[in-house]
């Protein structure tokens, strides 16, 4: 637990953190009691914060050492959508003689294509930053559980 940084409300994900470090998780029976005083302060605002924390947890555990997989996937998806929208606009122009001015398709195609390129470039830059961080700190993105025959 000493190596696990807990920020803000991330304490609710301690089982996930320790499981990722190789610990075994077990359930224990707990005696729940009814609230005697006051009311719950757990509302929709807090639920959205938990969802954002879950997104952060997923990103840091899965993509922290390879951000190009996250941003590149989103970028390729955006490029694909942009290409399909552009083809749709061209088909409407050629076969149905519809003017580009009458539809928002060219603008949408340009938007998705530009965002796709930006996401891919962001992934490459994030990948460079992650590698620079690990190399400059002398850290490794993994932990060795045990060594054999040393």
N, C-alpha and C. Protein backbone atom coordinates (compact mmCIF):
# COMPACT_ATOMS: atom_id res chain seq x y z
N UNK A 1 0.81 -1.20 0.00
CA UNK A 1 0.00 0.00 0.00
C UNK A 1 0.85 1.26 0.00
N UNK A 2 2.09 1.15 0.45
CA UNK A 2 2.93 2.34 0.52
C UNK A 2 3.22 2.93 -0.86
N UNK A 3 3.27 2.08 -1.89
CA UNK A 3 3.57 2.55 -3.24
C UNK A 3 2.34 3.00 -4.01
N UNK A 4 1.17 2.89 -3.41
CA UNK A 4 -0.06 3.23 -4.11
C UNK A 4 -0.48 4.65 -3.73
N UNK A 5 -0.42 5.58 -4.69
CA UNK A 5 -0.86 6.95 -4.37
C UNK A 5 -2.38 7.03 -4.44
N UNK A 6 -2.99 7.54 -3.38
CA UNK A 6 -4.44 7.70 -3.36
C UNK A 6 -4.75 9.20 -3.37
N UNK A 7 -5.43 9.64 -4.39
CA UNK A 7 -5.81 11.03 -4.52
C UNK A 7 -7.30 11.17 -4.32
N UNK A 8 -7.73 12.26 -3.76
CA UNK A 8 -9.13 12.64 -3.51
C UNK A 8 -9.96 11.45 -3.03
N UNK A 9 -10.92 11.02 -3.81
CA UNK A 9 -11.83 9.96 -3.38
C UNK A 9 -11.45 8.59 -3.93
N UNK A 10 -10.20 8.39 -4.25
CA UNK A 10 -9.78 7.13 -4.87
C UNK A 10 -9.70 5.99 -3.86
N UNK A 11 -9.96 6.26 -2.60
CA UNK A 11 -9.91 5.19 -1.59
C UNK A 11 -10.93 4.09 -1.89
N UNK A 12 -11.99 4.42 -2.60
CA UNK A 12 -13.01 3.40 -2.89
C UNK A 12 -12.52 2.37 -3.90
N UNK A 13 -11.38 2.63 -4.53
CA UNK A 13 -10.83 1.69 -5.50
C UNK A 13 -9.60 0.95 -4.98
N UNK A 14 -9.38 0.96 -3.69
CA UNK A 14 -8.24 0.26 -3.10
C UNK A 14 -8.21 -1.22 -3.51
N UNK A 15 -9.34 -1.95 -3.51
CA UNK A 15 -9.28 -3.35 -3.95
C UNK A 15 -8.76 -3.51 -5.38
N UNK A 16 -9.09 -2.58 -6.25
CA UNK A 16 -8.60 -2.66 -7.63
C UNK A 16 -7.09 -2.44 -7.66
N UNK A 17 -6.63 -1.43 -6.92
CA UNK A 17 -5.20 -1.15 -6.89
C UNK A 17 -4.40 -2.34 -6.36
N UNK A 18 -4.83 -2.92 -5.26
CA UNK A 18 -4.06 -4.02 -4.69
C UNK A 18 -4.16 -5.27 -5.56
N UNK A 19 -5.27 -5.49 -6.23
CA UNK A 19 -5.41 -6.62 -7.15
C UNK A 19 -4.43 -6.46 -8.32
N UNK A 20 -4.29 -5.24 -8.81
CA UNK A 20 -3.35 -4.99 -9.90
C UNK A 20 -1.90 -5.21 -9.46
N UNK A 21 -1.64 -5.07 -8.17
CA UNK A 21 -0.29 -5.31 -7.65
C UNK A 21 -0.05 -6.77 -7.31
N UNK A 22 -1.05 -7.62 -7.53
CA UNK A 22 -0.85 -9.05 -7.32
C UNK A 22 -1.45 -9.62 -6.06
N UNK A 23 -2.13 -8.80 -5.28
CA UNK A 23 -2.72 -9.30 -4.03
C UNK A 23 -3.98 -10.11 -4.34
N UNK A 24 -4.35 -10.96 -3.41
CA UNK A 24 -5.60 -11.71 -3.53
C UNK A 24 -6.69 -10.98 -2.77
N UNK A 25 -7.87 -10.97 -3.33
CA UNK A 25 -9.00 -10.28 -2.73
C UNK A 25 -9.99 -11.32 -2.22
N UNK A 26 -10.52 -11.08 -1.03
CA UNK A 26 -11.54 -11.98 -0.46
C UNK A 26 -12.66 -11.13 0.12
N UNK A 27 -13.82 -11.73 0.22
CA UNK A 27 -14.97 -11.04 0.81
C UNK A 27 -15.14 -11.51 2.25
N UNK A 28 -15.54 -10.58 3.09
CA UNK A 28 -15.79 -10.91 4.49
C UNK A 28 -17.19 -10.41 4.84
N UNK A 29 -17.90 -11.15 5.64
CA UNK A 29 -19.23 -10.68 6.04
C UNK A 29 -19.12 -9.44 6.94
N UNK A 30 -20.03 -8.52 6.74
CA UNK A 30 -20.04 -7.27 7.50
C UNK A 30 -21.44 -7.08 8.07
N UNK A 31 -21.52 -6.67 9.29
CA UNK A 31 -22.81 -6.40 9.92
C UNK A 31 -23.21 -4.96 9.60
N UNK A 32 -24.15 -4.79 8.69
CA UNK A 32 -24.63 -3.45 8.33
C UNK A 32 -25.72 -3.02 9.30
N UNK A 33 -25.65 -1.78 9.70
CA UNK A 33 -26.66 -1.25 10.60
C UNK A 33 -27.36 -0.07 9.91
N UNK A 34 -28.58 0.14 10.25
CA UNK A 34 -29.34 1.26 9.70
C UNK A 34 -28.76 2.57 10.22
N UNK A 35 -28.89 3.61 9.44
CA UNK A 35 -28.43 4.95 9.84
C UNK A 35 -29.35 5.45 10.96
N UNK A 36 -28.75 5.91 12.03
CA UNK A 36 -29.55 6.38 13.16
C UNK A 36 -29.82 7.87 13.08
N UNK A 37 -28.88 8.64 12.55
CA UNK A 37 -29.04 10.08 12.52
C UNK A 37 -28.69 10.61 11.14
N UNK A 38 -29.30 11.69 10.74
CA UNK A 38 -28.98 12.37 9.50
C UNK A 38 -29.48 11.65 8.26
N UNK A 39 -29.09 12.20 7.12
CA UNK A 39 -29.48 11.61 5.83
C UNK A 39 -28.24 11.43 4.97
N UNK A 40 -28.37 10.61 3.98
CA UNK A 40 -27.25 10.36 3.08
C UNK A 40 -26.96 11.58 2.23
N UNK A 41 -25.71 11.84 1.99
CA UNK A 41 -25.32 12.96 1.14
C UNK A 41 -24.84 12.47 -0.23
N UNK A 42 -25.10 11.20 -0.51
CA UNK A 42 -24.68 10.61 -1.76
C UNK A 42 -25.73 10.90 -2.82
N UNK A 43 -25.41 11.76 -3.77
CA UNK A 43 -26.36 12.16 -4.80
C UNK A 43 -25.79 12.00 -6.20
N UNK A 44 -26.47 12.57 -7.17
CA UNK A 44 -26.06 12.46 -8.56
C UNK A 44 -24.70 13.12 -8.81
N UNK A 45 -24.44 14.24 -8.13
CA UNK A 45 -23.16 14.93 -8.32
C UNK A 45 -22.00 14.00 -7.95
N UNK A 46 -22.16 13.29 -6.86
CA UNK A 46 -21.11 12.37 -6.42
C UNK A 46 -20.99 11.19 -7.37
N UNK A 47 -22.10 10.74 -7.93
CA UNK A 47 -22.08 9.63 -8.88
C UNK A 47 -21.26 10.00 -10.12
N UNK A 48 -21.41 11.22 -10.60
CA UNK A 48 -20.63 11.65 -11.76
C UNK A 48 -19.14 11.72 -11.42
N UNK A 49 -18.82 12.14 -10.21
CA UNK A 49 -17.41 12.16 -9.80
C UNK A 49 -16.83 10.76 -9.74
N UNK A 50 -17.64 9.80 -9.28
CA UNK A 50 -17.18 8.41 -9.25
C UNK A 50 -16.95 7.89 -10.67
N UNK A 51 -17.83 8.25 -11.59
CA UNK A 51 -17.64 7.84 -12.99
C UNK A 51 -16.35 8.41 -13.57
N UNK A 52 -16.06 9.66 -13.25
CA UNK A 52 -14.80 10.26 -13.72
C UNK A 52 -13.60 9.57 -13.08
N UNK A 53 -13.72 9.22 -11.79
CA UNK A 53 -12.65 8.49 -11.13
C UNK A 53 -12.46 7.11 -11.76
N UNK A 54 -13.55 6.46 -12.14
CA UNK A 54 -13.45 5.17 -12.83
C UNK A 54 -12.75 5.32 -14.17
N UNK A 55 -13.07 6.38 -14.90
CA UNK A 55 -12.39 6.64 -16.17
C UNK A 55 -10.90 6.84 -15.94
N UNK A 56 -10.55 7.62 -14.92
CA UNK A 56 -9.15 7.85 -14.59
C UNK A 56 -8.45 6.53 -14.22
N UNK A 57 -9.13 5.72 -13.41
CA UNK A 57 -8.55 4.44 -13.00
C UNK A 57 -8.31 3.54 -14.20
N UNK A 58 -9.29 3.46 -15.10
CA UNK A 58 -9.15 2.63 -16.30
C UNK A 58 -7.99 3.14 -17.15
N UNK A 59 -7.91 4.45 -17.32
CA UNK A 59 -6.84 5.01 -18.15
C UNK A 59 -5.48 4.75 -17.54
N UNK A 60 -5.34 4.98 -16.23
CA UNK A 60 -4.02 4.82 -15.62
C UNK A 60 -3.59 3.36 -15.51
N UNK A 61 -4.54 2.44 -15.35
CA UNK A 61 -4.15 1.04 -15.23
C UNK A 61 -3.95 0.37 -16.58
N UNK A 62 -4.67 0.80 -17.59
CA UNK A 62 -4.58 0.14 -18.89
C UNK A 62 -3.68 0.89 -19.87
N UNK A 63 -3.76 2.20 -19.90
CA UNK A 63 -3.09 2.96 -20.95
C UNK A 63 -1.96 3.86 -20.47
N UNK A 64 -1.61 3.81 -19.19
CA UNK A 64 -0.60 4.73 -18.66
C UNK A 64 0.76 4.53 -19.34
N UNK A 65 1.12 3.31 -19.64
CA UNK A 65 2.41 3.06 -20.25
C UNK A 65 2.32 2.96 -21.76
N UNK A 66 1.13 3.04 -22.33
CA UNK A 66 0.96 3.01 -23.79
C UNK A 66 -0.22 3.88 -24.21
N UNK A 67 -0.10 5.19 -24.02
CA UNK A 67 -1.21 6.10 -24.34
C UNK A 67 -1.56 6.14 -25.83
N UNK A 68 -0.64 5.74 -26.68
CA UNK A 68 -0.94 5.73 -28.11
C UNK A 68 -2.08 4.77 -28.43
N UNK A 69 -2.24 3.71 -27.63
CA UNK A 69 -3.34 2.78 -27.87
C UNK A 69 -4.69 3.45 -27.61
N UNK A 70 -4.75 4.30 -26.60
CA UNK A 70 -6.00 5.00 -26.30
C UNK A 70 -6.28 6.09 -27.33
N UNK A 71 -5.34 7.04 -27.44
CA UNK A 71 -5.55 8.17 -28.33
C UNK A 71 -5.53 7.74 -29.80
N UNK A 72 -4.69 6.78 -30.12
CA UNK A 72 -4.64 6.29 -31.49
C UNK A 72 -5.93 5.59 -31.88
N UNK A 73 -6.51 4.82 -30.95
CA UNK A 73 -7.79 4.16 -31.23
C UNK A 73 -8.90 5.16 -31.48
N UNK A 74 -8.96 6.18 -30.62
CA UNK A 74 -9.96 7.23 -30.84
C UNK A 74 -9.71 7.97 -32.14
N UNK A 75 -8.42 8.23 -32.42
CA UNK A 75 -8.07 8.95 -33.65
C UNK A 75 -8.41 8.16 -34.90
N UNK A 76 -8.12 6.86 -34.88
CA UNK A 76 -8.46 6.03 -36.05
C UNK A 76 -9.97 5.93 -36.23
N UNK A 77 -10.70 5.86 -35.11
CA UNK A 77 -12.16 5.85 -35.20
C UNK A 77 -12.68 7.15 -35.81
N UNK A 78 -12.13 8.27 -35.37
CA UNK A 78 -12.55 9.56 -35.91
C UNK A 78 -12.18 9.69 -37.38
N UNK A 79 -10.99 9.23 -37.75
CA UNK A 79 -10.60 9.25 -39.17
C UNK A 79 -11.53 8.37 -40.01
N UNK A 80 -11.92 7.24 -39.48
CA UNK A 80 -12.83 6.35 -40.21
C UNK A 80 -14.19 7.01 -40.42
N UNK A 81 -14.72 7.61 -39.36
CA UNK A 81 -16.01 8.29 -39.48
C UNK A 81 -15.91 9.45 -40.48
N UNK A 82 -14.82 10.21 -40.38
CA UNK A 82 -14.62 11.32 -41.32
C UNK A 82 -14.54 10.86 -42.76
N UNK A 83 -13.86 9.75 -42.99
CA UNK A 83 -13.75 9.21 -44.34
C UNK A 83 -15.11 8.75 -44.86
N UNK A 84 -15.88 8.06 -44.01
CA UNK A 84 -17.21 7.61 -44.42
C UNK A 84 -18.13 8.79 -44.72
N UNK A 85 -18.08 9.82 -43.90
CA UNK A 85 -18.92 11.00 -44.13
C UNK A 85 -18.50 11.70 -45.42
N UNK A 86 -17.20 11.79 -45.67
CA UNK A 86 -16.72 12.41 -46.91
C UNK A 86 -17.17 11.60 -48.13
N UNK A 87 -17.08 10.28 -48.04
CA UNK A 87 -17.55 9.44 -49.15
C UNK A 87 -19.04 9.60 -49.38
N UNK A 88 -19.79 9.69 -48.29
CA UNK A 88 -21.23 9.89 -48.39
C UNK A 88 -21.53 11.22 -49.10
N UNK A 89 -20.80 12.26 -48.73
CA UNK A 89 -21.00 13.57 -49.37
C UNK A 89 -20.66 13.51 -50.86
N UNK A 90 -19.59 12.80 -51.19
CA UNK A 90 -19.19 12.68 -52.60
C UNK A 90 -20.23 11.88 -53.38
N UNK A 91 -20.75 10.82 -52.79
CA UNK A 91 -21.79 10.03 -53.46
C UNK A 91 -23.04 10.87 -53.70
N UNK A 92 -23.43 11.65 -52.71
CA UNK A 92 -24.58 12.54 -52.88
C UNK A 92 -24.33 13.56 -53.99
N UNK A 93 -23.12 14.05 -54.09
CA UNK A 93 -22.77 15.04 -55.11
C UNK A 93 -22.78 14.43 -56.50
N UNK A 94 -22.19 13.23 -56.65
CA UNK A 94 -22.06 12.63 -57.98
C UNK A 94 -23.36 12.00 -58.46
N UNK A 95 -23.97 11.17 -57.64
CA UNK A 95 -25.11 10.39 -58.10
C UNK A 95 -26.46 11.09 -57.90
N UNK A 96 -26.56 11.96 -56.92
CA UNK A 96 -27.84 12.63 -56.65
C UNK A 96 -27.78 14.12 -56.94
N UNK A 97 -26.65 14.59 -57.47
CA UNK A 97 -26.44 15.99 -57.85
C UNK A 97 -26.85 16.97 -56.75
N UNK A 98 -26.54 16.60 -55.52
CA UNK A 98 -26.85 17.46 -54.38
C UNK A 98 -25.64 18.34 -54.09
N UNK A 99 -25.87 19.60 -53.91
CA UNK A 99 -24.79 20.55 -53.65
C UNK A 99 -24.21 20.33 -52.26
N UNK A 100 -22.90 20.57 -52.15
CA UNK A 100 -22.25 20.46 -50.85
C UNK A 100 -22.82 21.49 -49.87
N UNK A 101 -23.32 22.59 -50.39
CA UNK A 101 -23.83 23.67 -49.55
C UNK A 101 -25.12 23.25 -48.84
N UNK A 102 -25.86 22.33 -49.42
CA UNK A 102 -27.15 21.94 -48.86
C UNK A 102 -27.04 20.97 -47.68
N UNK A 103 -25.87 20.38 -47.49
CA UNK A 103 -25.71 19.42 -46.39
C UNK A 103 -24.52 19.83 -45.52
N UNK A 104 -24.54 19.43 -44.26
CA UNK A 104 -23.41 19.71 -43.38
C UNK A 104 -22.31 18.66 -43.49
N UNK A 105 -22.44 17.74 -44.44
CA UNK A 105 -21.50 16.62 -44.51
C UNK A 105 -20.05 17.03 -44.75
N UNK A 106 -19.75 17.98 -45.64
CA UNK A 106 -18.33 18.35 -45.80
C UNK A 106 -17.71 18.92 -44.53
N UNK A 107 -18.49 19.69 -43.78
CA UNK A 107 -17.98 20.26 -42.53
C UNK A 107 -17.76 19.15 -41.51
N UNK A 108 -18.72 18.22 -41.42
CA UNK A 108 -18.56 17.09 -40.50
C UNK A 108 -17.36 16.23 -40.87
N UNK A 109 -17.19 15.98 -42.16
CA UNK A 109 -16.05 15.18 -42.61
C UNK A 109 -14.74 15.86 -42.22
N UNK A 110 -14.65 17.16 -42.49
CA UNK A 110 -13.42 17.89 -42.14
C UNK A 110 -13.19 17.86 -40.63
N UNK A 111 -14.26 18.04 -39.85
CA UNK A 111 -14.13 18.02 -38.39
C UNK A 111 -13.60 16.68 -37.90
N UNK A 112 -14.21 15.59 -38.34
CA UNK A 112 -13.77 14.27 -37.89
C UNK A 112 -12.35 13.95 -38.36
N UNK A 113 -12.00 14.35 -39.57
CA UNK A 113 -10.65 14.08 -40.06
C UNK A 113 -9.60 14.87 -39.27
N UNK A 114 -9.89 16.14 -39.01
CA UNK A 114 -8.94 16.96 -38.25
C UNK A 114 -8.80 16.45 -36.82
N UNK A 115 -9.92 16.14 -36.18
CA UNK A 115 -9.87 15.62 -34.82
C UNK A 115 -9.12 14.29 -34.78
N UNK A 116 -9.32 13.45 -35.78
CA UNK A 116 -8.61 12.17 -35.84
C UNK A 116 -7.11 12.35 -35.91
N UNK A 117 -6.67 13.25 -36.75
CA UNK A 117 -5.23 13.52 -36.86
C UNK A 117 -4.70 14.09 -35.54
N UNK A 118 -5.45 15.00 -34.93
CA UNK A 118 -5.01 15.58 -33.66
C UNK A 118 -4.90 14.52 -32.56
N UNK A 119 -5.86 13.60 -32.50
CA UNK A 119 -5.81 12.56 -31.48
C UNK A 119 -4.61 11.64 -31.68
N UNK A 120 -4.32 11.30 -32.92
CA UNK A 120 -3.16 10.44 -33.18
C UNK A 120 -1.87 11.15 -32.80
N UNK A 121 -1.75 12.41 -33.15
CA UNK A 121 -0.57 13.19 -32.78
C UNK A 121 -0.47 13.32 -31.26
N UNK A 122 -1.61 13.52 -30.59
CA UNK A 122 -1.61 13.59 -29.13
C UNK A 122 -1.12 12.27 -28.53
N UNK A 123 -1.53 11.15 -29.12
CA UNK A 123 -1.07 9.85 -28.65
C UNK A 123 0.43 9.69 -28.81
N UNK A 124 0.96 10.14 -29.94
CA UNK A 124 2.40 10.04 -30.16
C UNK A 124 3.15 10.91 -29.15
N UNK A 125 2.66 12.13 -28.93
CA UNK A 125 3.31 13.00 -27.95
C UNK A 125 3.22 12.44 -26.54
N UNK A 126 2.08 11.88 -26.19
CA UNK A 126 1.94 11.26 -24.86
C UNK A 126 2.87 10.07 -24.72
N UNK A 127 3.02 9.30 -25.78
CA UNK A 127 3.94 8.15 -25.75
C UNK A 127 5.38 8.62 -25.52
N UNK A 128 5.76 9.68 -26.20
CA UNK A 128 7.11 10.24 -26.01
C UNK A 128 7.29 10.72 -24.57
N UNK A 129 6.27 11.39 -24.02
CA UNK A 129 6.36 11.89 -22.65
C UNK A 129 6.48 10.75 -21.64
N UNK A 130 5.71 9.69 -21.84
CA UNK A 130 5.77 8.55 -20.92
C UNK A 130 7.14 7.91 -20.96
N UNK A 131 7.66 7.69 -22.16
CA UNK A 131 8.99 7.07 -22.28
C UNK A 131 10.07 7.97 -21.68
N UNK A 132 9.96 9.27 -21.92
CA UNK A 132 10.93 10.20 -21.35
C UNK A 132 10.87 10.18 -19.83
N UNK A 133 9.66 10.13 -19.28
CA UNK A 133 9.50 10.09 -17.82
C UNK A 133 10.18 8.86 -17.24
N UNK A 134 9.86 7.68 -17.77
CA UNK A 134 10.42 6.45 -17.21
C UNK A 134 11.94 6.40 -17.37
N UNK A 135 12.45 6.83 -18.52
CA UNK A 135 13.90 6.78 -18.73
C UNK A 135 14.64 7.81 -17.88
N UNK A 136 14.07 9.01 -17.74
CA UNK A 136 14.75 10.04 -16.96
C UNK A 136 14.74 9.75 -15.47
N UNK A 137 13.71 9.08 -14.99
CA UNK A 137 13.61 8.74 -13.56
C UNK A 137 14.29 7.42 -13.23
N UNK A 138 14.68 6.67 -14.25
CA UNK A 138 15.28 5.37 -14.01
C UNK A 138 14.26 4.36 -13.50
N UNK A 139 12.99 4.58 -13.83
CA UNK A 139 11.92 3.70 -13.37
C UNK A 139 11.55 2.71 -14.47
N UNK A 140 10.86 1.67 -14.07
CA UNK A 140 10.32 0.70 -15.03
C UNK A 140 8.80 0.64 -14.84
N UNK A 141 8.05 0.40 -15.91
CA UNK A 141 6.59 0.38 -15.80
C UNK A 141 6.03 -0.96 -15.34
N UNK A 142 6.82 -1.71 -14.60
CA UNK A 142 6.37 -3.02 -14.13
C UNK A 142 7.02 -3.30 -12.78
N UNK A 143 6.54 -4.32 -12.09
CA UNK A 143 7.15 -4.76 -10.84
C UNK A 143 7.48 -6.23 -10.96
N UNK A 144 8.61 -6.62 -10.39
CA UNK A 144 9.02 -8.01 -10.41
C UNK A 144 8.56 -8.65 -9.10
N UNK A 145 7.73 -9.69 -9.22
CA UNK A 145 7.20 -10.33 -8.03
C UNK A 145 8.28 -11.15 -7.35
N UNK A 146 9.01 -11.98 -8.12
CA UNK A 146 10.08 -12.76 -7.53
C UNK A 146 11.09 -13.09 -8.63
N UNK A 147 12.33 -13.30 -8.21
CA UNK A 147 13.37 -13.72 -9.13
C UNK A 147 13.74 -15.17 -8.81
N UNK A 148 14.04 -15.91 -9.86
CA UNK A 148 14.35 -17.33 -9.70
C UNK A 148 15.75 -17.57 -10.24
N UNK A 149 16.54 -18.37 -9.52
CA UNK A 149 17.89 -18.77 -9.94
C UNK A 149 18.82 -17.60 -10.11
N UNK A 150 18.87 -16.71 -9.14
CA UNK A 150 19.85 -15.62 -9.21
C UNK A 150 21.01 -15.89 -8.31
